[in-house]
């Protein structure tokens, strides 16, 4: 039996590719200051996949421990922001929405860390918003 790939993605230069073999668990838009700095954007969208269903198929990201709670992955060659693993949800890998080959196929569930949202950057949607973590992912506040 052949398992159909649900999603694929990778970095800008192609040195790193990945493939989860299970559906996404959750999509989240994060407004925290660390995600802003890591991405260089006013927010960062992640899609969470079960860690045991995920594999790097070409290369692996360089890792940076951004806090005692999280480790972030990026391409050492082109700098693309790719992943994050958090201690509170270590059974999942969070992949940046922008690194997916088909990001439009993902749904986002909520916004987190909105207490740090850039004031002039407004996202108009009806998704739930949480000042810090959402109930869907136990926090480390």
N, C-alpha and C. Protein backbone atom coordinates (compact mmCIF):
# COMPACT_ATOMS: atom_id res chain seq x y z
N UNK A 1 0.84 -1.18 0.00
CA UNK A 1 0.00 0.00 0.00
C UNK A 1 0.88 1.24 0.00
N UNK A 2 0.59 2.17 -0.88
CA UNK A 2 1.36 3.40 -0.99
C UNK A 2 0.64 4.50 -0.20
N UNK A 3 1.37 5.17 0.68
CA UNK A 3 0.81 6.28 1.45
C UNK A 3 0.91 7.54 0.60
N UNK A 4 -0.21 8.19 0.41
CA UNK A 4 -0.23 9.41 -0.38
C UNK A 4 0.32 10.56 0.46
N UNK A 5 1.19 11.36 -0.13
CA UNK A 5 1.74 12.52 0.55
C UNK A 5 0.65 13.57 0.67
N UNK A 6 0.47 14.08 1.86
CA UNK A 6 -0.55 15.08 2.10
C UNK A 6 0.01 16.47 1.82
N UNK A 7 1.20 16.74 2.31
CA UNK A 7 1.87 18.02 2.08
C UNK A 7 3.35 17.77 1.80
N UNK A 8 3.95 18.73 1.15
CA UNK A 8 5.41 18.77 0.99
C UNK A 8 5.83 20.22 1.05
N UNK A 9 7.11 20.42 1.32
CA UNK A 9 7.61 21.78 1.36
C UNK A 9 9.10 21.80 1.51
N UNK A 10 9.64 23.00 1.63
CA UNK A 10 11.07 23.15 1.78
C UNK A 10 11.49 24.60 1.80
N UNK A 11 12.79 24.79 1.77
CA UNK A 11 13.36 26.13 1.85
C UNK A 11 13.43 26.80 0.48
N UNK A 12 13.82 28.04 0.46
CA UNK A 12 13.91 28.84 -0.76
C UNK A 12 14.91 28.28 -1.77
N UNK A 13 16.06 27.83 -1.30
CA UNK A 13 17.10 27.37 -2.23
C UNK A 13 16.96 25.89 -2.61
N UNK A 14 16.11 25.15 -1.92
CA UNK A 14 15.91 23.74 -2.24
C UNK A 14 16.85 22.78 -1.52
N UNK A 15 17.71 23.29 -0.66
CA UNK A 15 18.65 22.42 0.06
C UNK A 15 17.93 21.54 1.08
N UNK A 16 16.77 22.00 1.56
CA UNK A 16 16.01 21.25 2.56
C UNK A 16 14.60 21.02 2.05
N UNK A 17 14.15 19.78 2.17
CA UNK A 17 12.78 19.40 1.80
C UNK A 17 12.21 18.54 2.93
N UNK A 18 10.90 18.55 3.06
CA UNK A 18 10.25 17.75 4.09
C UNK A 18 8.92 17.20 3.57
N UNK A 19 8.41 16.20 4.33
CA UNK A 19 7.14 15.59 3.98
C UNK A 19 6.49 14.99 5.23
N UNK A 20 5.33 15.50 5.63
CA UNK A 20 4.56 14.83 6.68
C UNK A 20 3.67 13.77 6.03
N UNK A 21 3.43 12.68 6.71
CA UNK A 21 2.59 11.62 6.15
C UNK A 21 1.23 11.56 6.83
N UNK A 22 0.94 12.55 7.67
CA UNK A 22 -0.36 12.61 8.36
C UNK A 22 -0.95 14.00 8.15
N UNK A 23 -2.25 14.12 8.32
CA UNK A 23 -2.88 15.45 8.19
C UNK A 23 -2.37 16.41 9.25
N UNK A 24 -2.51 17.68 8.97
CA UNK A 24 -2.11 18.69 9.94
C UNK A 24 -3.04 18.64 11.15
N UNK A 25 -2.50 18.99 12.32
CA UNK A 25 -3.27 18.99 13.56
C UNK A 25 -3.91 20.35 13.84
N UNK A 26 -3.24 21.40 13.42
CA UNK A 26 -3.68 22.74 13.77
C UNK A 26 -2.89 23.76 12.98
N UNK A 27 -3.52 24.87 12.67
CA UNK A 27 -2.85 26.00 12.05
C UNK A 27 -2.97 27.20 12.96
N UNK A 28 -1.89 27.93 13.14
CA UNK A 28 -1.89 29.04 14.09
C UNK A 28 -1.09 30.22 13.53
N UNK A 29 -1.58 31.41 13.80
CA UNK A 29 -0.85 32.63 13.45
C UNK A 29 -0.32 33.21 14.76
N UNK A 30 0.99 33.34 14.84
CA UNK A 30 1.62 33.83 16.07
C UNK A 30 2.11 35.26 15.90
N UNK A 31 1.80 36.08 16.89
CA UNK A 31 2.17 37.50 16.88
C UNK A 31 3.28 37.81 17.88
N UNK A 32 3.92 36.79 18.47
CA UNK A 32 4.93 37.05 19.50
C UNK A 32 6.19 37.70 18.90
N UNK A 33 6.94 38.35 19.76
CA UNK A 33 8.13 39.07 19.29
C UNK A 33 9.22 38.11 18.78
N UNK A 34 9.32 36.91 19.34
CA UNK A 34 10.34 35.97 18.84
C UNK A 34 10.01 35.49 17.43
N UNK A 35 8.73 35.21 17.16
CA UNK A 35 8.35 34.80 15.80
C UNK A 35 8.57 35.94 14.81
N UNK A 36 8.30 37.17 15.25
CA UNK A 36 8.57 38.32 14.36
C UNK A 36 10.05 38.40 14.03
N UNK A 37 10.89 38.27 15.03
CA UNK A 37 12.33 38.36 14.78
C UNK A 37 12.85 37.20 13.95
N UNK A 38 12.31 36.01 14.22
CA UNK A 38 12.75 34.82 13.47
C UNK A 38 12.37 34.91 11.99
N UNK A 39 11.21 35.48 11.71
CA UNK A 39 10.72 35.53 10.33
C UNK A 39 11.02 36.85 9.62
N UNK A 40 11.20 37.92 10.40
CA UNK A 40 11.36 39.23 9.78
C UNK A 40 10.04 39.81 9.30
N UNK A 41 8.94 39.25 9.76
CA UNK A 41 7.60 39.68 9.34
C UNK A 41 6.78 40.06 10.58
N UNK A 42 5.65 40.76 10.40
CA UNK A 42 4.85 41.17 11.56
C UNK A 42 4.17 40.01 12.29
N UNK A 43 4.14 38.83 11.69
CA UNK A 43 3.58 37.63 12.31
C UNK A 43 4.14 36.42 11.60
N UNK A 44 3.89 35.25 12.17
CA UNK A 44 4.37 34.01 11.55
C UNK A 44 3.29 32.96 11.68
N UNK A 45 2.92 32.34 10.56
CA UNK A 45 1.91 31.29 10.56
C UNK A 45 2.58 29.92 10.55
N UNK A 46 2.09 29.04 11.42
CA UNK A 46 2.60 27.68 11.54
C UNK A 46 1.50 26.66 11.29
N UNK A 47 1.90 25.53 10.80
CA UNK A 47 1.02 24.37 10.69
C UNK A 47 1.67 23.26 11.51
N UNK A 48 0.89 22.64 12.37
CA UNK A 48 1.43 21.60 13.24
C UNK A 48 1.11 20.22 12.68
N UNK A 49 2.14 19.37 12.67
CA UNK A 49 2.01 17.98 12.23
C UNK A 49 2.50 17.06 13.34
N UNK A 50 1.95 15.84 13.44
CA UNK A 50 2.49 14.90 14.41
C UNK A 50 3.96 14.64 14.13
N UNK A 51 4.79 14.74 15.15
CA UNK A 51 6.23 14.57 14.97
C UNK A 51 6.58 13.20 14.39
N UNK A 52 5.85 12.18 14.82
CA UNK A 52 6.18 10.83 14.34
C UNK A 52 5.74 10.58 12.90
N UNK A 53 5.04 11.52 12.28
CA UNK A 53 4.64 11.38 10.88
C UNK A 53 5.47 12.26 9.96
N UNK A 54 6.46 12.95 10.51
CA UNK A 54 7.19 13.97 9.78
C UNK A 54 8.61 13.52 9.47
N UNK A 55 9.07 13.82 8.26
CA UNK A 55 10.47 13.53 7.94
C UNK A 55 11.07 14.60 7.05
N UNK A 56 12.34 14.86 7.32
CA UNK A 56 13.13 15.71 6.43
C UNK A 56 13.59 14.79 5.31
N UNK A 57 13.24 15.08 4.08
CA UNK A 57 13.56 14.19 2.96
C UNK A 57 14.83 14.59 2.22
N UNK A 58 15.26 15.82 2.40
CA UNK A 58 16.50 16.30 1.79
C UNK A 58 17.10 17.33 2.74
N UNK A 59 18.27 17.04 3.25
CA UNK A 59 18.91 17.95 4.19
C UNK A 59 18.14 18.05 5.49
N UNK A 60 18.66 18.82 6.41
CA UNK A 60 18.00 19.09 7.68
C UNK A 60 18.30 20.52 8.08
N UNK A 61 17.38 21.14 8.78
CA UNK A 61 17.61 22.54 9.15
C UNK A 61 18.67 22.70 10.24
N UNK A 62 19.31 23.84 10.22
CA UNK A 62 20.14 24.23 11.36
C UNK A 62 19.18 24.60 12.47
N UNK A 63 19.58 24.38 13.72
CA UNK A 63 18.68 24.61 14.84
C UNK A 63 19.19 25.72 15.73
N UNK A 64 18.23 26.48 16.26
CA UNK A 64 18.55 27.56 17.18
C UNK A 64 17.60 27.48 18.37
N UNK A 65 18.12 27.37 19.58
CA UNK A 65 17.28 27.36 20.77
C UNK A 65 16.96 28.81 21.10
N UNK A 66 15.73 29.23 20.77
CA UNK A 66 15.34 30.62 20.95
C UNK A 66 14.90 30.94 22.38
N UNK A 67 14.57 29.91 23.14
CA UNK A 67 14.21 30.07 24.55
C UNK A 67 14.32 28.70 25.20
N UNK A 68 14.07 28.66 26.52
CA UNK A 68 14.10 27.35 27.17
C UNK A 68 12.90 26.51 26.77
N UNK A 69 11.94 27.11 26.04
CA UNK A 69 10.73 26.42 25.63
C UNK A 69 10.72 25.97 24.18
N UNK A 70 11.59 26.51 23.33
CA UNK A 70 11.47 26.25 21.89
C UNK A 70 12.81 26.20 21.17
N UNK A 71 12.82 25.39 20.13
CA UNK A 71 13.96 25.29 19.23
C UNK A 71 13.44 25.54 17.82
N UNK A 72 14.09 26.42 17.09
CA UNK A 72 13.64 26.82 15.76
C UNK A 72 14.61 26.32 14.69
N UNK A 73 14.06 25.96 13.54
CA UNK A 73 14.86 25.44 12.45
C UNK A 73 14.86 26.39 11.26
N UNK A 74 16.00 26.47 10.58
CA UNK A 74 16.14 27.33 9.41
C UNK A 74 17.18 26.73 8.47
N UNK A 75 17.13 27.14 7.22
CA UNK A 75 18.12 26.68 6.26
C UNK A 75 19.41 27.49 6.43
N UNK A 76 20.51 26.80 6.66
CA UNK A 76 21.80 27.47 6.85
C UNK A 76 22.31 28.09 5.55
N UNK A 77 21.82 27.60 4.41
CA UNK A 77 22.28 28.13 3.12
C UNK A 77 21.53 29.40 2.71
N UNK A 78 20.19 29.38 2.79
CA UNK A 78 19.42 30.53 2.31
C UNK A 78 18.72 31.31 3.40
N UNK A 79 18.70 30.77 4.62
CA UNK A 79 18.11 31.48 5.75
C UNK A 79 16.61 31.30 5.92
N UNK A 80 15.97 30.49 5.09
CA UNK A 80 14.52 30.31 5.21
C UNK A 80 14.12 29.80 6.59
N UNK A 81 13.10 30.42 7.15
CA UNK A 81 12.51 30.00 8.41
C UNK A 81 11.65 28.77 8.11
N UNK A 82 11.90 27.66 8.83
CA UNK A 82 11.22 26.41 8.49
C UNK A 82 10.39 25.79 9.59
N UNK A 83 10.89 25.75 10.81
CA UNK A 83 10.21 24.92 11.81
C UNK A 83 10.41 25.43 13.23
N UNK A 84 9.61 24.84 14.12
CA UNK A 84 9.79 25.07 15.54
C UNK A 84 9.24 23.85 16.28
N UNK A 85 9.96 23.46 17.32
CA UNK A 85 9.49 22.42 18.24
C UNK A 85 9.46 23.06 19.61
N UNK A 86 8.29 23.00 20.26
CA UNK A 86 8.11 23.57 21.59
C UNK A 86 8.01 22.46 22.63
N UNK A 87 8.57 22.70 23.80
CA UNK A 87 8.54 21.72 24.88
C UNK A 87 7.11 21.35 25.26
N UNK A 88 6.20 22.32 25.29
CA UNK A 88 4.82 22.07 25.73
C UNK A 88 4.06 21.15 24.78
N UNK A 89 4.48 21.12 23.52
CA UNK A 89 3.82 20.26 22.52
C UNK A 89 4.90 19.53 21.72
N UNK A 90 5.77 18.85 22.43
CA UNK A 90 6.93 18.21 21.78
C UNK A 90 6.57 17.01 20.92
N UNK A 91 5.28 16.60 20.91
CA UNK A 91 4.84 15.52 20.04
C UNK A 91 4.50 16.03 18.64
N UNK A 92 4.71 17.33 18.42
CA UNK A 92 4.40 17.96 17.14
C UNK A 92 5.60 18.73 16.61
N UNK A 93 5.62 18.87 15.30
CA UNK A 93 6.56 19.80 14.69
C UNK A 93 5.72 20.90 14.06
N UNK A 94 6.14 22.13 14.26
CA UNK A 94 5.45 23.25 13.67
C UNK A 94 6.24 23.70 12.45
N UNK A 95 5.58 23.71 11.33
CA UNK A 95 6.20 24.07 10.06
C UNK A 95 5.66 25.42 9.62
N UNK A 96 6.52 26.28 9.14
CA UNK A 96 6.06 27.58 8.69
C UNK A 96 5.18 27.43 7.45
N UNK A 97 4.05 28.10 7.49
CA UNK A 97 3.09 28.03 6.39
C UNK A 97 3.73 28.39 5.06
N UNK A 98 4.58 29.40 5.08
CA UNK A 98 5.21 29.87 3.84
C UNK A 98 6.18 28.89 3.22
N UNK A 99 6.62 27.89 3.97
CA UNK A 99 7.54 26.90 3.40
C UNK A 99 6.82 25.73 2.74
N UNK A 100 5.50 25.65 2.89
CA UNK A 100 4.73 24.60 2.22
C UNK A 100 4.64 24.86 0.72
N UNK A 101 4.66 23.80 -0.07
CA UNK A 101 4.49 23.96 -1.52
C UNK A 101 3.11 24.49 -1.87
N UNK A 102 2.10 24.09 -1.09
CA UNK A 102 0.72 24.52 -1.34
C UNK A 102 0.10 25.08 -0.05
N UNK A 103 0.52 26.27 0.37
CA UNK A 103 0.04 26.81 1.64
C UNK A 103 -1.47 27.09 1.65
N UNK A 104 -2.07 27.29 0.52
CA UNK A 104 -3.50 27.56 0.45
C UNK A 104 -4.37 26.39 0.84
N UNK A 105 -3.78 25.20 0.94
CA UNK A 105 -4.55 24.02 1.34
C UNK A 105 -4.69 23.90 2.85
N UNK A 106 -4.04 24.75 3.59
CA UNK A 106 -4.04 24.68 5.05
C UNK A 106 -5.10 25.64 5.60
N UNK A 107 -5.74 25.22 6.67
CA UNK A 107 -6.64 26.15 7.36
C UNK A 107 -5.99 26.59 8.67
N UNK A 108 -6.24 27.82 9.02
CA UNK A 108 -5.71 28.38 10.26
C UNK A 108 -6.84 28.36 11.29
N UNK A 109 -6.49 27.99 12.52
CA UNK A 109 -7.48 27.85 13.58
C UNK A 109 -7.61 29.08 14.48
N UNK A 110 -6.48 29.76 14.75
CA UNK A 110 -6.55 30.90 15.65
C UNK A 110 -5.28 31.75 15.60
N UNK A 111 -5.34 32.85 16.33
CA UNK A 111 -4.20 33.76 16.52
C UNK A 111 -3.75 33.64 17.97
N UNK A 112 -2.43 33.60 18.19
CA UNK A 112 -1.90 33.56 19.55
C UNK A 112 -0.94 34.72 19.77
N UNK A 113 -0.71 35.03 21.02
CA UNK A 113 0.18 36.11 21.46
C UNK A 113 -0.22 37.45 20.85
N UNK A 114 -1.53 37.70 20.78
CA UNK A 114 -2.01 38.95 20.21
C UNK A 114 -1.70 40.15 21.09
N UNK A 115 -1.34 39.92 22.36
CA UNK A 115 -0.94 41.04 23.21
C UNK A 115 0.34 41.68 22.68
N UNK A 116 1.06 40.98 21.81
CA UNK A 116 2.28 41.51 21.19
C UNK A 116 2.09 41.91 19.73
N UNK A 117 0.86 41.92 19.26
CA UNK A 117 0.60 42.23 17.85
C UNK A 117 1.09 43.63 17.50
N UNK A 118 1.68 43.76 16.33
CA UNK A 118 2.11 45.06 15.82
C UNK A 118 0.84 45.89 15.60
N UNK A 119 0.76 47.06 16.21
CA UNK A 119 -0.46 47.85 16.24
C UNK A 119 -1.01 48.20 14.85
N UNK A 120 -0.14 48.50 13.91
CA UNK A 120 -0.60 48.92 12.59
C UNK A 120 -0.90 47.77 11.65
N UNK A 121 -0.62 46.53 12.08
CA UNK A 121 -0.84 45.37 11.22
C UNK A 121 -2.09 44.63 11.68
N UNK A 122 -3.17 44.78 10.94
CA UNK A 122 -4.44 44.17 11.32
C UNK A 122 -4.78 43.05 10.34
N UNK A 123 -5.10 41.90 10.89
CA UNK A 123 -5.55 40.77 10.10
C UNK A 123 -7.06 40.69 10.27
N UNK A 124 -7.79 40.85 9.18
CA UNK A 124 -9.25 40.84 9.25
C UNK A 124 -9.77 39.44 8.96
N UNK A 125 -10.13 38.73 10.03
CA UNK A 125 -10.76 37.43 9.92
C UNK A 125 -11.58 37.22 11.19
N UNK A 126 -12.32 36.16 11.22
CA UNK A 126 -13.16 35.88 12.39
C UNK A 126 -12.59 34.78 13.27
N UNK A 127 -11.31 34.52 13.15
CA UNK A 127 -10.68 33.46 13.94
C UNK A 127 -10.55 33.88 15.41
N UNK A 128 -10.59 32.90 16.30
CA UNK A 128 -10.37 33.21 17.73
C UNK A 128 -8.99 33.83 17.94
N UNK A 129 -8.93 34.72 18.92
CA UNK A 129 -7.68 35.39 19.26
C UNK A 129 -7.40 35.21 20.75
N UNK A 130 -6.13 34.95 21.06
CA UNK A 130 -5.71 34.73 22.43
C UNK A 130 -4.57 35.66 22.77
N UNK A 131 -4.64 36.36 23.91
CA UNK A 131 -3.56 37.27 24.29
C UNK A 131 -2.21 36.57 24.38
N UNK A 132 -2.23 35.29 24.80
CA UNK A 132 -1.02 34.48 24.87
C UNK A 132 -1.27 33.17 24.15
N UNK A 133 -1.13 32.05 24.83
CA UNK A 133 -1.36 30.74 24.21
C UNK A 133 -2.85 30.46 24.11
N UNK A 134 -3.22 29.57 23.20
CA UNK A 134 -4.60 29.13 23.13
C UNK A 134 -4.76 27.84 23.92
N UNK A 135 -5.99 27.48 24.20
CA UNK A 135 -6.27 26.24 24.93
C UNK A 135 -5.90 25.01 24.08
N UNK A 136 -5.76 25.18 22.78
CA UNK A 136 -5.44 24.05 21.90
C UNK A 136 -4.00 23.59 22.04
N UNK A 137 -3.16 24.44 22.58
CA UNK A 137 -1.75 24.08 22.79
C UNK A 137 -1.34 24.58 24.16
N UNK A 138 -1.23 23.70 25.13
CA UNK A 138 -0.87 24.12 26.49
C UNK A 138 0.34 25.03 26.49
N UNK A 139 0.28 26.05 27.29
CA UNK A 139 1.30 27.09 27.21
C UNK A 139 2.45 26.97 28.16
N UNK A 140 3.27 27.97 28.05
CA UNK A 140 4.49 28.08 28.85
C UNK A 140 4.64 29.52 29.30
N UNK A 141 3.50 30.20 29.42
CA UNK A 141 3.51 31.63 29.78
C UNK A 141 4.15 31.86 31.13
